[in-house]
Amino acid sequence: MVRGHLIEVEAASIVEVASLAIRDEDGTTWSFDAMRYRGVTPSHLRDHMLRGLPITVVFHVENDVRLIDEITD
């Protein structure tokens, strides 16, 4: 699990996130693939990014790729 501010959101469609990147409080950038994630929409995440609101990403690693399990505000 990691908490930080969004710095990039890529949409697969209007309702699906393809990938995202966040920066944690230590300045580390974390990139995630949303391959099977269905939940928060790209527009909701972009709103967080524009307003500077942090999110928490719960993830697991599969074949050296961080895959999103859950996103919370």
Protein backbone atom coordinates (compact mmCIF):
# COMPACT_ATOMS: atom_id res chain seq x y z
CA MET A 1 0.00 0.00 0.00
CA VAL A 2 1.24 3.49 -0.80
CA ARG A 3 -0.25 6.97 -0.30
CA GLY A 4 0.65 10.00 -2.36
CA HIS A 5 -0.34 12.62 -4.91
CA LEU A 6 -1.23 11.72 -8.47
CA ILE A 7 1.19 12.93 -11.10
CA GLU A 8 -0.17 10.98 -14.08
CA VAL A 9 -3.39 9.20 -15.06
CA GLU A 10 -3.84 7.31 -18.33
CA ALA A 11 -7.37 6.29 -19.27
CA ALA A 12 -8.25 3.09 -21.14
CA SER A 13 -11.77 4.49 -21.66
CA ILE A 14 -14.07 7.03 -20.08
CA VAL A 15 -14.74 4.61 -17.19
CA GLU A 16 -11.50 2.61 -16.97
CA VAL A 17 -8.02 3.57 -15.83
CA ALA A 18 -5.11 2.08 -17.80
CA SER A 19 -2.28 3.23 -15.53
CA LEU A 20 -1.32 5.89 -13.04
CA ALA A 21 1.65 7.28 -11.17
CA ILE A 22 1.82 8.86 -7.74
CA ARG A 23 4.55 10.55 -5.72
CA ASP A 24 4.73 9.69 -2.03
CA GLU A 25 5.77 12.10 0.75
CA ASP A 26 9.41 10.99 0.44
CA GLY A 27 9.44 12.02 -3.24
CA THR A 28 9.44 8.47 -4.60
CA THR A 29 7.40 7.98 -7.78
CA TRP A 30 5.29 4.82 -7.97
CA SER A 31 3.81 3.59 -11.27
CA PHE A 32 0.87 1.20 -11.42
CA ASP A 33 -0.92 -0.81 -14.09
CA ALA A 34 -4.70 -1.00 -13.76
CA MET A 35 -5.07 -4.09 -15.95
CA ARG A 36 -7.91 -5.74 -14.02
CA TYR A 37 -8.90 -2.86 -11.76
CA ARG A 38 -12.50 -1.63 -11.97
CA GLY A 39 -13.45 1.13 -9.60
CA VAL A 40 -12.51 4.79 -9.50
CA THR A 41 -12.92 6.53 -12.87
CA PRO A 42 -10.20 8.47 -14.69
CA SER A 43 -12.17 11.70 -14.26
CA HIS A 44 -12.37 11.20 -10.49
CA LEU A 45 -8.61 10.65 -10.35
CA ARG A 46 -7.91 13.69 -12.54
CA ASP A 47 -9.99 15.76 -10.12
CA HIS A 48 -7.73 14.57 -7.29
CA MET A 49 -4.68 15.42 -9.38
CA LEU A 50 -5.90 18.94 -10.19
CA ARG A 51 -6.90 19.67 -6.60
CA GLY A 52 -3.76 18.13 -5.10
CA LEU A 53 -5.68 15.59 -3.03
CA PRO A 54 -3.82 12.40 -2.05
CA ILE A 55 -4.97 8.85 -2.76
CA THR A 56 -4.04 5.46 -1.35
CA VAL A 57 -3.28 2.60 -3.72
CA VAL A 58 -3.38 -1.01 -2.54
CA PHE A 59 -1.49 -3.21 -4.99
CA HIS A 60 0.28 -6.47 -5.57
CA VAL A 61 3.25 -7.30 -7.79
CA GLU A 62 2.89 -9.78 -10.63
CA ASN A 63 5.76 -10.41 -13.07
CA ASP A 64 7.54 -7.28 -11.77
CA VAL A 65 4.48 -5.10 -12.51
CA ARG A 66 2.55 -3.27 -9.77
CA LEU A 67 -1.14 -4.08 -10.30
CA ILE A 68 -3.84 -2.01 -8.59
CA ASP A 69 -6.18 -3.85 -6.22
CA GLU A 70 -7.92 -0.83 -4.70
CA ILE A 71 -7.84 2.98 -4.76
CA THR A 72 -9.21 5.06 -1.89
CA ASP A 73 -9.37 8.80 -1.23
